[in-house]
All heavy atoms as atom14 arrays in JSON, in Angstrom:
{
  "sequence": "GGHSTTPDDLLLMDGICRWFSGERVETSSTHGTGCTFSSALAARIAL",
  "atom14_mask": [
    [1, 1, 1, 1, 0, 0, 0, 0, 0, 0, 0, 0, 0, 0],
    [1, 1, 1, 1, 0, 0, 0, 0, 0, 0, 0, 0, 0, 0],
    [1, 1, 1, 1, 1, 1, 1, 1, 1, 1, 0, 0, 0, 0],
    [1, 1, 1, 1, 1, 1, 0, 0, 0, 0, 0, 0, 0, 0],
    [1, 1, 1, 1, 1, 1, 1, 0, 0, 0, 0, 0, 0, 0],
    [1, 1, 1, 1, 1, 1, 1, 0, 0, 0, 0, 0, 0, 0],
    [1, 1, 1, 1, 1, 1, 1, 0, 0, 0, 0, 0, 0, 0],
    [1, 1, 1, 1, 1, 1, 1, 1, 0, 0, 0, 0, 0, 0],
    [1, 1, 1, 1, 1, 1, 1, 1, 0, 0, 0, 0, 0, 0],
    [1, 1, 1, 1, 1, 1, 1, 1, 0, 0, 0, 0, 0, 0],
    [1, 1, 1, 1, 1, 1, 1, 1, 0, 0, 0, 0, 0, 0],
    [1, 1, 1, 1, 1, 1, 1, 1, 0, 0, 0, 0, 0, 0],
    [1, 1, 1, 1, 1, 1, 1, 1, 0, 0, 0, 0, 0, 0],
    [1, 1, 1, 1, 1, 1, 1, 1, 0, 0, 0, 0, 0, 0],
    [1, 1, 1, 1, 0, 0, 0, 0, 0, 0, 0, 0, 0, 0],
    [1, 1, 1, 1, 1, 1, 1, 1, 0, 0, 0, 0, 0, 0],
    [1, 1, 1, 1, 1, 1, 0, 0, 0, 0, 0, 0, 0, 0],
    [1, 1, 1, 1, 1, 1, 1, 1, 1, 1, 1, 0, 0, 0],
    [1, 1, 1, 1, 1, 1, 1, 1, 1, 1, 1, 1, 1, 1],
    [1, 1, 1, 1, 1, 1, 1, 1, 1, 1, 1, 0, 0, 0],
    [1, 1, 1, 1, 1, 1, 0, 0, 0, 0, 0, 0, 0, 0],
    [1, 1, 1, 1, 0, 0, 0, 0, 0, 0, 0, 0, 0, 0],
    [1, 1, 1, 1, 1, 1, 1, 1, 1, 0, 0, 0, 0, 0],
    [1, 1, 1, 1, 1, 1, 1, 1, 1, 1, 1, 0, 0, 0],
    [1, 1, 1, 1, 1, 1, 1, 0, 0, 0, 0, 0, 0, 0],
    [1, 1, 1, 1, 1, 1, 1, 1, 1, 0, 0, 0, 0, 0],
    [1, 1, 1, 1, 1, 1, 1, 0, 0, 0, 0, 0, 0, 0],
    [1, 1, 1, 1, 1, 1, 0, 0, 0, 0, 0, 0, 0, 0],
    [1, 1, 1, 1, 1, 1, 0, 0, 0, 0, 0, 0, 0, 0],
    [1, 1, 1, 1, 1, 1, 1, 0, 0, 0, 0, 0, 0, 0],
    [1, 1, 1, 1, 1, 1, 1, 1, 1, 1, 0, 0, 0, 0],
    [1, 1, 1, 1, 0, 0, 0, 0, 0, 0, 0, 0, 0, 0],
    [1, 1, 1, 1, 1, 1, 1, 0, 0, 0, 0, 0, 0, 0],
    [1, 1, 1, 1, 0, 0, 0, 0, 0, 0, 0, 0, 0, 0],
    [1, 1, 1, 1, 1, 1, 0, 0, 0, 0, 0, 0, 0, 0],
    [1, 1, 1, 1, 1, 1, 1, 0, 0, 0, 0, 0, 0, 0],
    [1, 1, 1, 1, 1, 1, 1, 1, 1, 1, 1, 0, 0, 0],
    [1, 1, 1, 1, 1, 1, 0, 0, 0, 0, 0, 0, 0, 0],
    [1, 1, 1, 1, 1, 1, 0, 0, 0, 0, 0, 0, 0, 0],
    [1, 1, 1, 1, 1, 0, 0, 0, 0, 0, 0, 0, 0, 0],
    [1, 1, 1, 1, 1, 1, 1, 1, 0, 0, 0, 0, 0, 0],
    [1, 1, 1, 1, 1, 0, 0, 0, 0, 0, 0, 0, 0, 0],
    [1, 1, 1, 1, 1, 0, 0, 0, 0, 0, 0, 0, 0, 0],
    [1, 1, 1, 1, 1, 1, 1, 1, 1, 1, 1, 0, 0, 0],
    [1, 1, 1, 1, 1, 1, 1, 1, 0, 0, 0, 0, 0, 0],
    [1, 1, 1, 1, 1, 0, 0, 0, 0, 0, 0, 0, 0, 0],
    [1, 1, 1, 1, 1, 1, 1, 1, 0, 0, 0, 0, 0, 0]
  ],
  "atom14_positions": [
    [[4.76, -1.66, -1.69], [5.6, -2.13, -2.79], [5.17, -1.62, -4.14], [5.41, -2.28, -5.15], [0.0, 0.0, 0.0], [0.0, 0.0, 0.0], [0.0, 0.0, 0.0], [0.0, 0.0, 0.0], [0.0, 0.0, 0.0], [0.0, 0.0, 0.0], [0.0, 0.0, 0.0], [0.0, 0.0, 0.0], [0.0, 0.0, 0.0], [0.0, 0.0, 0.0]],
    [[4.55, -0.47, -4.19], [4.03, 0.05, -5.45], [5.07, 0.28, -6.52], [4.75, 0.27, -7.7], [0.0, 0.0, 0.0], [0.0, 0.0, 0.0], [0.0, 0.0, 0.0], [0.0, 0.0, 0.0], [0.0, 0.0, 0.0], [0.0, 0.0, 0.0], [0.0, 0.0, 0.0], [0.0, 0.0, 0.0], [0.0, 0.0, 0.0], [0.0, 0.0, 0.0]],
    [[6.32, 0.48, -6.13], [7.36, 0.73, -7.13], [8.17, -0.53, -7.44], [9.12, -0.48, -8.21], [8.28, 1.86, -6.66], [8.87, 1.6, -5.32], [8.17, 1.81, -4.16], [10.08, 1.13, -4.95], [8.94, 1.48, -3.14], [10.1, 1.06, -3.59], [0.0, 0.0, 0.0], [0.0, 0.0, 0.0], [0.0, 0.0, 0.0], [0.0, 0.0, 0.0]],
    [[7.79, -1.66, -6.86], [8.47, -2.92, -7.18], [7.82, -3.56, -8.41], [6.83, -3.05, -8.93], [8.43, -3.87, -5.98], [7.11, -4.2, -5.66], [0.0, 0.0, 0.0], [0.0, 0.0, 0.0], [0.0, 0.0, 0.0], [0.0, 0.0, 0.0], [0.0, 0.0, 0.0], [0.0, 0.0, 0.0], [0.0, 0.0, 0.0], [0.0, 0.0, 0.0]],
    [[8.37, -4.66, -8.86], [7.85, -5.3, -10.07], [6.42, -5.77, -9.89], [5.63, -5.75, -10.82], [8.74, -6.48, -10.51], [8.92, -7.34, -9.39], [10.07, -5.99, -11.02], [0.0, 0.0, 0.0], [0.0, 0.0, 0.0], [0.0, 0.0, 0.0], [0.0, 0.0, 0.0], [0.0, 0.0, 0.0], [0.0, 0.0, 0.0], [0.0, 0.0, 0.0]],
    [[6.07, -6.22, -8.68], [4.68, -6.54, -8.38], [4.26, -5.63, -7.23], [4.85, -5.67, -6.17], [4.5, -8.01, -7.96], [5.36, -8.29, -6.87], [4.8, -8.96, -9.12], [0.0, 0.0, 0.0], [0.0, 0.0, 0.0], [0.0, 0.0, 0.0], [0.0, 0.0, 0.0], [0.0, 0.0, 0.0], [0.0, 0.0, 0.0], [0.0, 0.0, 0.0]],
    [[3.25, -4.79, -7.44], [2.88, -3.8, -6.44], [2.06, -4.4, -5.29], [0.93, -4.01, -5.04], [2.07, -2.78, -7.24], [1.46, -3.6, -8.34], [2.47, -4.67, -8.66], [0.0, 0.0, 0.0], [0.0, 0.0, 0.0], [0.0, 0.0, 0.0], [0.0, 0.0, 0.0], [0.0, 0.0, 0.0], [0.0, 0.0, 0.0], [0.0, 0.0, 0.0]],
    [[2.66, -5.37, -4.59], [1.98, -5.99, -3.48], [2.45, -5.36, -2.18], [3.6, -4.93, -2.07], [2.29, -7.5, -3.45], [1.84, -8.21, -4.72], [0.92, -7.69, -5.39], [2.39, -9.27, -5.03], [0.0, 0.0, 0.0], [0.0, 0.0, 0.0], [0.0, 0.0, 0.0], [0.0, 0.0, 0.0], [0.0, 0.0, 0.0], [0.0, 0.0, 0.0]],
    [[1.57, -5.31, -1.2], [1.9, -4.75, 0.11], [1.91, -5.88, 1.14], [1.11, -6.81, 1.06], [0.88, -3.7, 0.54], [0.91, -2.45, -0.32], [1.87, -2.27, -1.08], [-0.03, -1.65, -0.22], [0.0, 0.0, 0.0], [0.0, 0.0, 0.0], [0.0, 0.0, 0.0], [0.0, 0.0, 0.0], [0.0, 0.0, 0.0], [0.0, 0.0, 0.0]],
    [[2.8, -5.77, 2.11], [2.93, -6.76, 3.17], [2.46, -6.16, 4.48], [2.87, -5.05, 4.84], [4.38, -7.19, 3.33], [4.73, -7.97, 4.6], [4.11, -9.36, 4.54], [6.22, -8.05, 4.8], [0.0, 0.0, 0.0], [0.0, 0.0, 0.0], [0.0, 0.0, 0.0], [0.0, 0.0, 0.0], [0.0, 0.0, 0.0], [0.0, 0.0, 0.0]],
    [[1.6, -6.86, 5.2], [1.24, -6.5, 6.57], [1.87, -7.52, 7.49], [1.62, -8.73, 7.35], [-0.29, -6.52, 6.75], [-0.8, -6.44, 8.2], [-0.36, -5.14, 8.88], [-2.31, -6.59, 8.25], [0.0, 0.0, 0.0], [0.0, 0.0, 0.0], [0.0, 0.0, 0.0], [0.0, 0.0, 0.0], [0.0, 0.0, 0.0], [0.0, 0.0, 0.0]],
    [[2.71, -7.06, 8.42], [3.26, -7.91, 9.46], [2.61, -7.48, 10.76], [2.73, -6.32, 11.17], [4.78, -7.76, 9.56], [5.43, -8.47, 10.76], [5.27, -9.99, 10.64], [6.88, -8.09, 10.9], [0.0, 0.0, 0.0], [0.0, 0.0, 0.0], [0.0, 0.0, 0.0], [0.0, 0.0, 0.0], [0.0, 0.0, 0.0], [0.0, 0.0, 0.0]],
    [[1.88, -8.42, 11.37], [1.19, -8.12, 12.61], [1.2, -9.38, 13.46], [0.89, -10.47, 12.97], [-0.25, -7.69, 12.31], [-1.05, -7.32, 13.53], [-2.71, -6.76, 13.1], [-3.52, -8.31, 12.78], [0.0, 0.0, 0.0], [0.0, 0.0, 0.0], [0.0, 0.0, 0.0], [0.0, 0.0, 0.0], [0.0, 0.0, 0.0], [0.0, 0.0, 0.0]],
    [[1.57, -9.24, 14.72], [1.61, -10.37, 15.64], [2.45, -11.53, 15.09], [2.11, -12.7, 15.27], [0.19, -10.86, 15.96], [-0.66, -9.77, 16.62], [-0.08, -8.95, 17.36], [-1.86, -9.75, 16.4], [0.0, 0.0, 0.0], [0.0, 0.0, 0.0], [0.0, 0.0, 0.0], [0.0, 0.0, 0.0], [0.0, 0.0, 0.0], [0.0, 0.0, 0.0]],
    [[3.53, -11.2, 14.38], [4.43, -12.21, 13.85], [3.96, -12.91, 12.59], [4.63, -13.78, 12.08], [0.0, 0.0, 0.0], [0.0, 0.0, 0.0], [0.0, 0.0, 0.0], [0.0, 0.0, 0.0], [0.0, 0.0, 0.0], [0.0, 0.0, 0.0], [0.0, 0.0, 0.0], [0.0, 0.0, 0.0], [0.0, 0.0, 0.0], [0.0, 0.0, 0.0]],
    [[2.79, -12.54, 12.1], [2.22, -13.18, 10.91], [2.28, -12.22, 9.74], [1.9, -11.05, 9.86], [0.76, -13.6, 11.18], [0.72, -14.62, 12.34], [0.12, -14.19, 9.93], [-0.66, -14.91, 12.85], [0.0, 0.0, 0.0], [0.0, 0.0, 0.0], [0.0, 0.0, 0.0], [0.0, 0.0, 0.0], [0.0, 0.0, 0.0], [0.0, 0.0, 0.0]],
    [[2.73, -12.73, 8.59], [2.8, -11.93, 7.37], [1.57, -12.22, 6.51], [1.19, -13.37, 6.34], [4.05, -12.26, 6.57], [5.57, -11.69, 7.36], [0.0, 0.0, 0.0], [0.0, 0.0, 0.0], [0.0, 0.0, 0.0], [0.0, 0.0, 0.0], [0.0, 0.0, 0.0], [0.0, 0.0, 0.0], [0.0, 0.0, 0.0], [0.0, 0.0, 0.0]],
    [[0.98, -11.17, 5.98], [-0.12, -11.3, 5.05], [0.15, -10.38, 3.87], [0.46, -9.19, 4.06], [-1.44, -10.91, 5.69], [-2.55, -10.95, 4.66], [-3.92, -10.83, 5.21], [-4.84, -10.81, 4.08], [-6.0, -10.21, 4.11], [-6.42, -9.63, 5.2], [-6.77, -10.22, 3.05], [0.0, 0.0, 0.0], [0.0, 0.0, 0.0], [0.0, 0.0, 0.0]],
    [[0.05, -10.92, 2.67], [0.28, -10.13, 1.46], [-1.04, -9.68, 0.87], [-2.02, -10.41, 0.87], [1.05, -10.97, 0.43], [2.49, -11.11, 0.8], [3.06, -12.11, 1.5], [3.53, -10.18, 0.5], [4.4, -11.87, 1.66], [4.72, -10.7, 1.06], [3.58, -8.96, -0.18], [5.94, -10.05, 0.95], [4.8, -8.31, -0.29], [5.96, -8.85, 0.27]],
    [[-1.04, -8.45, 0.36], [-2.19, -7.87, -0.33], [-1.78, -7.64, -1.77], [-0.87, -6.86, -2.04], [-2.59, -6.54, 0.32], [-3.11, -6.7, 1.72], [-2.24, -6.88, 2.79], [-4.47, -6.7, 1.97], [-2.71, -7.04, 4.07], [-4.95, -6.87, 3.25], [-4.07, -7.04, 4.31], [0.0, 0.0, 0.0], [0.0, 0.0, 0.0], [0.0, 0.0, 0.0]],
    [[-2.44, -8.34, -2.68], [-2.09, -8.23, -4.1], [-2.37, -6.83, -4.61], [-3.35, -6.19, -4.22], [-2.9, -9.23, -4.92], [-2.54, -10.53, -4.55], [0.0, 0.0, 0.0], [0.0, 0.0, 0.0], [0.0, 0.0, 0.0], [0.0, 0.0, 0.0], [0.0, 0.0, 0.0], [0.0, 0.0, 0.0], [0.0, 0.0, 0.0], [0.0, 0.0, 0.0]],
    [[-1.51, -6.38, -5.5], [-1.66, -5.06, -6.08], [-1.86, -5.11, -7.57], [-1.64, -6.14, -8.21], [0.0, 0.0, 0.0], [0.0, 0.0, 0.0], [0.0, 0.0, 0.0], [0.0, 0.0, 0.0], [0.0, 0.0, 0.0], [0.0, 0.0, 0.0], [0.0, 0.0, 0.0], [0.0, 0.0, 0.0], [0.0, 0.0, 0.0], [0.0, 0.0, 0.0]],
    [[-2.28, -4.0, -8.1], [-2.5, -3.84, -9.54], [-1.56, -2.76, -10.03], [-1.5, -1.67, -9.45], [-3.96, -3.43, -9.77], [-4.28, -2.99, -11.16], [-5.67, -2.36, -11.26], [-6.5, -2.58, -10.37], [-5.89, -1.61, -12.22], [0.0, 0.0, 0.0], [0.0, 0.0, 0.0], [0.0, 0.0, 0.0], [0.0, 0.0, 0.0], [0.0, 0.0, 0.0]],
    [[-0.82, -3.03, -11.09], [0.05, -2.03, -11.67], [-0.81, -1.08, -12.5], [-1.5, -1.5, -13.42], [1.11, -2.7, -12.55], [1.93, -1.77, -13.39], [3.1, -1.09, -12.72], [3.88, -1.95, -11.87], [4.4, -1.52, -10.7], [4.19, -0.3, -10.29], [5.1, -2.33, -9.96], [0.0, 0.0, 0.0], [0.0, 0.0, 0.0], [0.0, 0.0, 0.0]],
    [[-0.83, 0.18, -12.13], [-1.58, 1.21, -12.86], [-0.55, 2.04, -13.62], [0.33, 2.66, -13.01], [-2.4, 2.1, -11.91], [-3.11, 3.2, -12.69], [-3.39, 1.26, -11.11], [0.0, 0.0, 0.0], [0.0, 0.0, 0.0], [0.0, 0.0, 0.0], [0.0, 0.0, 0.0], [0.0, 0.0, 0.0], [0.0, 0.0, 0.0], [0.0, 0.0, 0.0]],
    [[-0.66, 2.04, -14.94], [0.28, 2.81, -15.76], [-0.15, 4.27, -15.78], [-1.17, 4.62, -16.35], [0.34, 2.23, -17.17], [0.91, 0.83, -17.25], [2.3, 0.69, -16.65], [3.12, 1.63, -16.78], [2.56, -0.36, -16.04], [0.0, 0.0, 0.0], [0.0, 0.0, 0.0], [0.0, 0.0, 0.0], [0.0, 0.0, 0.0], [0.0, 0.0, 0.0]],
    [[0.63, 5.1, -15.1], [0.38, 6.53, -15.04], [1.68, 7.24, -14.67], [2.54, 6.65, -14.01], [-0.72, 6.88, -14.02], [-0.92, 8.3, -14.0], [-0.36, 6.41, -12.62], [0.0, 0.0, 0.0], [0.0, 0.0, 0.0], [0.0, 0.0, 0.0], [0.0, 0.0, 0.0], [0.0, 0.0, 0.0], [0.0, 0.0, 0.0], [0.0, 0.0, 0.0]],
    [[1.8, 8.48, -15.09], [2.95, 9.29, -14.68], [2.6, 10.08, -13.41], [3.44, 10.77, -12.86], [3.37, 10.25, -15.79], [2.31, 11.15, -16.08], [0.0, 0.0, 0.0], [0.0, 0.0, 0.0], [0.0, 0.0, 0.0], [0.0, 0.0, 0.0], [0.0, 0.0, 0.0], [0.0, 0.0, 0.0], [0.0, 0.0, 0.0], [0.0, 0.0, 0.0]],
    [[1.38, 9.95, -12.92], [0.92, 10.69, -11.74], [0.98, 9.8, -10.51], [-0.04, 9.28, -10.05], [-0.51, 11.2, -11.98], [-0.53, 12.07, -13.09], [0.0, 0.0, 0.0], [0.0, 0.0, 0.0], [0.0, 0.0, 0.0], [0.0, 0.0, 0.0], [0.0, 0.0, 0.0], [0.0, 0.0, 0.0], [0.0, 0.0, 0.0], [0.0, 0.0, 0.0]],
    [[2.18, 9.65, -10.0], [2.41, 8.76, -8.85], [2.93, 9.5, -7.62], [3.18, 8.87, -6.59], [3.42, 7.67, -9.22], [4.64, 8.3, -9.64], [2.89, 6.78, -10.34], [0.0, 0.0, 0.0], [0.0, 0.0, 0.0], [0.0, 0.0, 0.0], [0.0, 0.0, 0.0], [0.0, 0.0, 0.0], [0.0, 0.0, 0.0], [0.0, 0.0, 0.0]],
    [[3.06, 10.81, -7.7], [3.61, 11.57, -6.58], [2.65, 11.53, -5.4], [1.47, 11.8, -5.53], [3.85, 13.03, -7.01], [4.53, 13.83, -5.96], [5.87, 13.67, -5.65], [4.06, 14.78, -5.12], [6.18, 14.51, -4.69], [5.1, 15.18, -4.35], [0.0, 0.0, 0.0], [0.0, 0.0, 0.0], [0.0, 0.0, 0.0], [0.0, 0.0, 0.0]],
    [[3.17, 11.15, -4.23], [2.37, 11.16, -3.01], [1.66, 9.87, -2.69], [0.81, 9.83, -1.8], [0.0, 0.0, 0.0], [0.0, 0.0, 0.0], [0.0, 0.0, 0.0], [0.0, 0.0, 0.0], [0.0, 0.0, 0.0], [0.0, 0.0, 0.0], [0.0, 0.0, 0.0], [0.0, 0.0, 0.0], [0.0, 0.0, 0.0], [0.0, 0.0, 0.0]],
    [[2.01, 8.79, -3.36], [1.3, 7.54, -3.1], [1.52, 7.03, -1.68], [0.58, 6.55, -1.04], [1.71, 6.44, -4.11], [3.13, 6.35, -4.13], [1.19, 6.74, -5.5], [0.0, 0.0, 0.0], [0.0, 0.0, 0.0], [0.0, 0.0, 0.0], [0.0, 0.0, 0.0], [0.0, 0.0, 0.0], [0.0, 0.0, 0.0], [0.0, 0.0, 0.0]],
    [[2.73, 7.13, -1.16], [3.0, 6.66, 0.2], [2.27, 7.47, 1.24], [1.67, 6.92, 2.17], [0.0, 0.0, 0.0], [0.0, 0.0, 0.0], [0.0, 0.0, 0.0], [0.0, 0.0, 0.0], [0.0, 0.0, 0.0], [0.0, 0.0, 0.0], [0.0, 0.0, 0.0], [0.0, 0.0, 0.0], [0.0, 0.0, 0.0], [0.0, 0.0, 0.0]],
    [[2.31, 8.78, 1.1], [1.6, 9.66, 2.04], [0.09, 9.44, 1.97], [-0.6, 9.43, 2.99], [1.92, 11.13, 1.73], [3.65, 11.54, 1.88], [0.0, 0.0, 0.0], [0.0, 0.0, 0.0], [0.0, 0.0, 0.0], [0.0, 0.0, 0.0], [0.0, 0.0, 0.0], [0.0, 0.0, 0.0], [0.0, 0.0, 0.0], [0.0, 0.0, 0.0]],
    [[-0.4, 9.25, 0.75], [-1.82, 9.0, 0.57], [-2.21, 7.68, 1.21], [-3.24, 7.59, 1.9], [-2.17, 8.99, -0.94], [-1.83, 10.27, -1.48], [-3.64, 8.71, -1.16], [0.0, 0.0, 0.0], [0.0, 0.0, 0.0], [0.0, 0.0, 0.0], [0.0, 0.0, 0.0], [0.0, 0.0, 0.0], [0.0, 0.0, 0.0], [0.0, 0.0, 0.0]],
    [[-1.39, 6.65, 1.03], [-1.68, 5.36, 1.65], [-1.73, 5.47, 3.17], [-2.67, 5.01, 3.81], [-0.66, 4.29, 1.23], [-0.91, 2.98, 1.93], [-1.88, 2.11, 1.45], [-0.22, 2.64, 3.08], [-2.14, 0.92, 2.12], [-0.48, 1.46, 3.75], [-1.44, 0.59, 3.26], [0.0, 0.0, 0.0], [0.0, 0.0, 0.0], [0.0, 0.0, 0.0]],
    [[-0.71, 6.07, 3.77], [-0.67, 6.13, 5.24], [-1.82, 6.98, 5.79], [-2.39, 6.65, 6.83], [0.68, 6.65, 5.73], [0.93, 7.95, 5.26], [0.0, 0.0, 0.0], [0.0, 0.0, 0.0], [0.0, 0.0, 0.0], [0.0, 0.0, 0.0], [0.0, 0.0, 0.0], [0.0, 0.0, 0.0], [0.0, 0.0, 0.0], [0.0, 0.0, 0.0]],
    [[-2.2, 8.03, 5.08], [-3.33, 8.85, 5.52], [-4.64, 8.08, 5.4], [-5.5, 8.15, 6.29], [-3.41, 10.14, 4.69], [-2.27, 10.93, 4.92], [0.0, 0.0, 0.0], [0.0, 0.0, 0.0], [0.0, 0.0, 0.0], [0.0, 0.0, 0.0], [0.0, 0.0, 0.0], [0.0, 0.0, 0.0], [0.0, 0.0, 0.0], [0.0, 0.0, 0.0]],
    [[-4.81, 7.34, 4.3], [-6.01, 6.53, 4.13], [-6.06, 5.43, 5.2], [-7.13, 5.13, 5.75], [-6.06, 5.93, 2.73], [0.0, 0.0, 0.0], [0.0, 0.0, 0.0], [0.0, 0.0, 0.0], [0.0, 0.0, 0.0], [0.0, 0.0, 0.0], [0.0, 0.0, 0.0], [0.0, 0.0, 0.0], [0.0, 0.0, 0.0], [0.0, 0.0, 0.0]],
    [[-4.92, 4.84, 5.51], [-4.86, 3.82, 6.56], [-5.27, 4.42, 7.9], [-6.08, 3.83, 8.63], [-3.46, 3.23, 6.63], [-3.22, 2.18, 7.7], [-4.09, 0.94, 7.47], [-1.74, 1.79, 7.75], [0.0, 0.0, 0.0], [0.0, 0.0, 0.0], [0.0, 0.0, 0.0], [0.0, 0.0, 0.0], [0.0, 0.0, 0.0], [0.0, 0.0, 0.0]],
    [[-4.73, 5.59, 8.23], [-5.08, 6.25, 9.5], [-6.58, 6.54, 9.55], [-7.22, 6.34, 10.6], [-4.27, 7.54, 9.65], [0.0, 0.0, 0.0], [0.0, 0.0, 0.0], [0.0, 0.0, 0.0], [0.0, 0.0, 0.0], [0.0, 0.0, 0.0], [0.0, 0.0, 0.0], [0.0, 0.0, 0.0], [0.0, 0.0, 0.0], [0.0, 0.0, 0.0]],
    [[-7.15, 6.97, 8.45], [-8.59, 7.25, 8.41], [-9.39, 5.97, 8.64], [-10.38, 5.97, 9.39], [-8.97, 7.88, 7.07], [0.0, 0.0, 0.0], [0.0, 0.0, 0.0], [0.0, 0.0, 0.0], [0.0, 0.0, 0.0], [0.0, 0.0, 0.0], [0.0, 0.0, 0.0], [0.0, 0.0, 0.0], [0.0, 0.0, 0.0], [0.0, 0.0, 0.0]],
    [[-8.99, 4.87, 8.01], [-9.71, 3.61, 8.16], [-9.6, 3.1, 9.6], [-10.56, 2.56, 10.15], [-9.19, 2.56, 7.18], [-9.38, 2.86, 5.71], [-10.76, 3.31, 5.28], [-11.85, 2.54, 5.84], [-13.14, 2.78, 5.61], [-13.51, 3.75, 4.8], [-14.06, 2.03, 6.18], [0.0, 0.0, 0.0], [0.0, 0.0, 0.0], [0.0, 0.0, 0.0]],
    [[-8.44, 3.28, 10.23], [-8.27, 2.88, 11.63], [-9.19, 3.73, 12.51], [-9.87, 3.22, 13.4], [-6.8, 3.01, 12.05], [-5.95, 1.98, 11.31], [-6.64, 2.85, 13.56], [-4.47, 2.25, 11.36], [0.0, 0.0, 0.0], [0.0, 0.0, 0.0], [0.0, 0.0, 0.0], [0.0, 0.0, 0.0], [0.0, 0.0, 0.0], [0.0, 0.0, 0.0]],
    [[-9.23, 5.04, 12.24], [-10.1, 5.94, 13.01], [-11.57, 5.57, 12.85], [-12.37, 5.73, 13.77], [-9.87, 7.38, 12.58], [0.0, 0.0, 0.0], [0.0, 0.0, 0.0], [0.0, 0.0, 0.0], [0.0, 0.0, 0.0], [0.0, 0.0, 0.0], [0.0, 0.0, 0.0], [0.0, 0.0, 0.0], [0.0, 0.0, 0.0], [0.0, 0.0, 0.0]],
    [[-11.93, 5.03, 11.69], [-13.31, 4.6, 11.46], [-13.62, 3.25, 12.09], [-14.75, 2.78, 12.04], [-13.59, 4.55, 9.95], [-13.68, 5.91, 9.27], [-13.71, 5.76, 7.75], [-14.92, 6.67, 9.76], [0.0, 0.0, 0.0], [0.0, 0.0, 0.0], [0.0, 0.0, 0.0], [0.0, 0.0, 0.0], [0.0, 0.0, 0.0], [0.0, 0.0, 0.0]]
  ]
}
């Protein structure tokens, strides 16, 4: 939800929702945030 009014992310797993609070970072350099997130997530899972 980085582009929403509150940049919080939702994890839905096993029917349970958990919210992760986000911080709005003011920058014009936002290209690739989704791809970066999914790649970082894949790396953390692999670890």
